[in-house]
Protein backbone atom coordinates (compact mmCIF):
# COMPACT_ATOMS: atom_id res chain seq x y z
CA MET A 1 -6.84 138.32 227.04
CA GLY A 2 -4.92 138.95 223.47
CA VAL A 3 -0.80 139.86 224.02
CA LEU A 4 -2.13 136.02 226.59
CA ILE A 5 -2.55 134.42 222.77
CA LEU A 6 -0.42 135.90 221.20
CA VAL A 7 2.60 134.64 224.08
CA GLY A 8 1.41 131.16 224.30
CA LEU A 9 1.04 131.16 220.22
CA ALA A 10 4.47 132.61 220.51
CA ILE A 11 6.16 129.50 222.62
CA LEU A 12 4.08 127.20 220.06
CA GLY A 13 5.89 129.01 217.41
CA ALA A 14 9.78 128.87 218.77
CA ALA A 15 9.12 124.92 220.28
CA LEU A 16 8.11 123.99 216.53
CA PHE A 17 11.25 125.76 215.29
CA GLN A 18 13.15 123.47 217.48
CA ARG A 19 11.93 120.44 217.07
CA SER A 20 12.26 120.92 213.17
CA GLN A 21 15.47 121.87 213.70
CA GLY A 22 16.84 118.98 216.48
CA ALA A 23 14.45 116.45 213.60
CA LEU A 24 17.37 118.85 210.56
CA SER A 25 20.73 118.47 212.52
CA GLY A 26 20.93 114.64 211.25
CA SER A 27 20.28 112.85 214.47
CA ASN A 28 17.52 111.38 212.49
CA GLN A 29 19.58 109.63 209.78
CA GLY A 30 18.67 106.17 208.02
CA PHE A 31 20.42 103.78 206.79
CA GLY A 32 21.40 103.57 203.83
CA THR A 33 20.68 100.65 201.51
CA ALA A 34 19.14 97.33 202.93
CA SER A 35 18.86 93.93 200.78
CA ILE A 36 16.71 91.00 201.40
CA ALA A 37 17.41 88.21 200.47
CA LEU A 38 14.13 86.14 198.30
CA PRO A 39 14.20 83.18 196.50
CA PRO A 40 13.49 83.69 192.30
CA GLY A 41 10.67 84.40 191.44
CA ALA A 42 9.27 85.25 194.64
CA ALA A 43 7.20 89.08 194.84
CA ILE A 44 6.32 91.17 198.01
CA ALA A 45 2.77 91.53 198.06
CA VAL A 46 2.11 94.02 200.34
CA ALA A 47 4.33 96.10 202.90
CA ALA A 48 2.73 97.62 205.89
CA THR A 49 5.01 99.29 208.75
CA GLU A 50 3.92 99.23 212.66
CA GLY A 51 6.34 101.39 214.69
CA ASN A 52 9.23 100.76 213.43
CA ARG A 53 8.59 98.14 211.78
CA LEU A 54 8.84 97.28 207.83
CA ILE A 55 6.39 94.07 208.09
CA LEU A 56 6.10 92.89 203.63
CA ARG A 57 4.48 89.87 202.33
CA ALA A 58 6.09 87.94 200.11
CA HIS A 59 4.47 85.38 197.82
CA ILE A 60 6.99 82.20 197.71
CA ALA A 61 5.70 80.00 195.50
CA PRO A 62 1.94 78.51 195.74
CA ASP A 63 1.62 77.33 199.03
CA HIS A 64 4.58 79.45 201.04
CA GLU A 65 3.53 82.82 201.81
CA GLU A 66 6.11 84.95 204.83
CA LEU A 67 6.01 87.64 206.59
CA ILE A 68 9.21 89.51 206.82
CA ILE A 69 10.20 92.50 209.40
CA ILE A 70 12.66 94.22 208.81
CA ASP A 71 13.56 97.23 211.43
CA LEU A 72 13.12 100.05 210.42
CA ARG A 73 16.03 101.66 212.69
CA THR A 74 18.63 99.64 210.89
CA GLY A 75 17.46 98.51 208.04
CA GLN A 76 18.10 94.62 208.81
CA GLU A 77 15.59 91.92 208.65
CA SER A 78 14.70 91.09 212.62
CA GLY A 79 12.28 87.43 211.36
CA ARG A 80 10.62 85.86 209.05
CA ILE A 81 7.13 83.97 209.62
CA ALA A 82 6.50 80.81 206.95
CA LEU A 83 2.88 80.43 206.54
CA ARG A 84 1.96 77.38 204.45
CA TRP A 85 -1.27 75.91 203.91
CA THR A 86 -2.54 72.64 203.77
CA ALA A 87 -4.95 70.34 202.12
CA SER A 88 -7.10 70.57 205.07
CA ALA A 89 -6.73 74.59 205.88
CA SER A 90 -8.55 76.83 203.90
CA ARG A 91 -6.88 80.66 203.43
């Protein structure tokens, strides 16, 4: 029984070692530096990740915010969703 436990741990250790070597081999290289254009006075309020996406909530103007979606694999902006409030809408 003890031998089976040791064999199982050896197999688990070998699998973890192979996985770590694959991660270090450069197969998961970053995209370098990416830029996002924001107007003067704009600020990033919240940043969150979801899968391979970075979602930024940017304050553009007092009644205008945008969700900016960025692909973390490429660093490219995938799209923007404008959030605007009117006098009849509440936050």
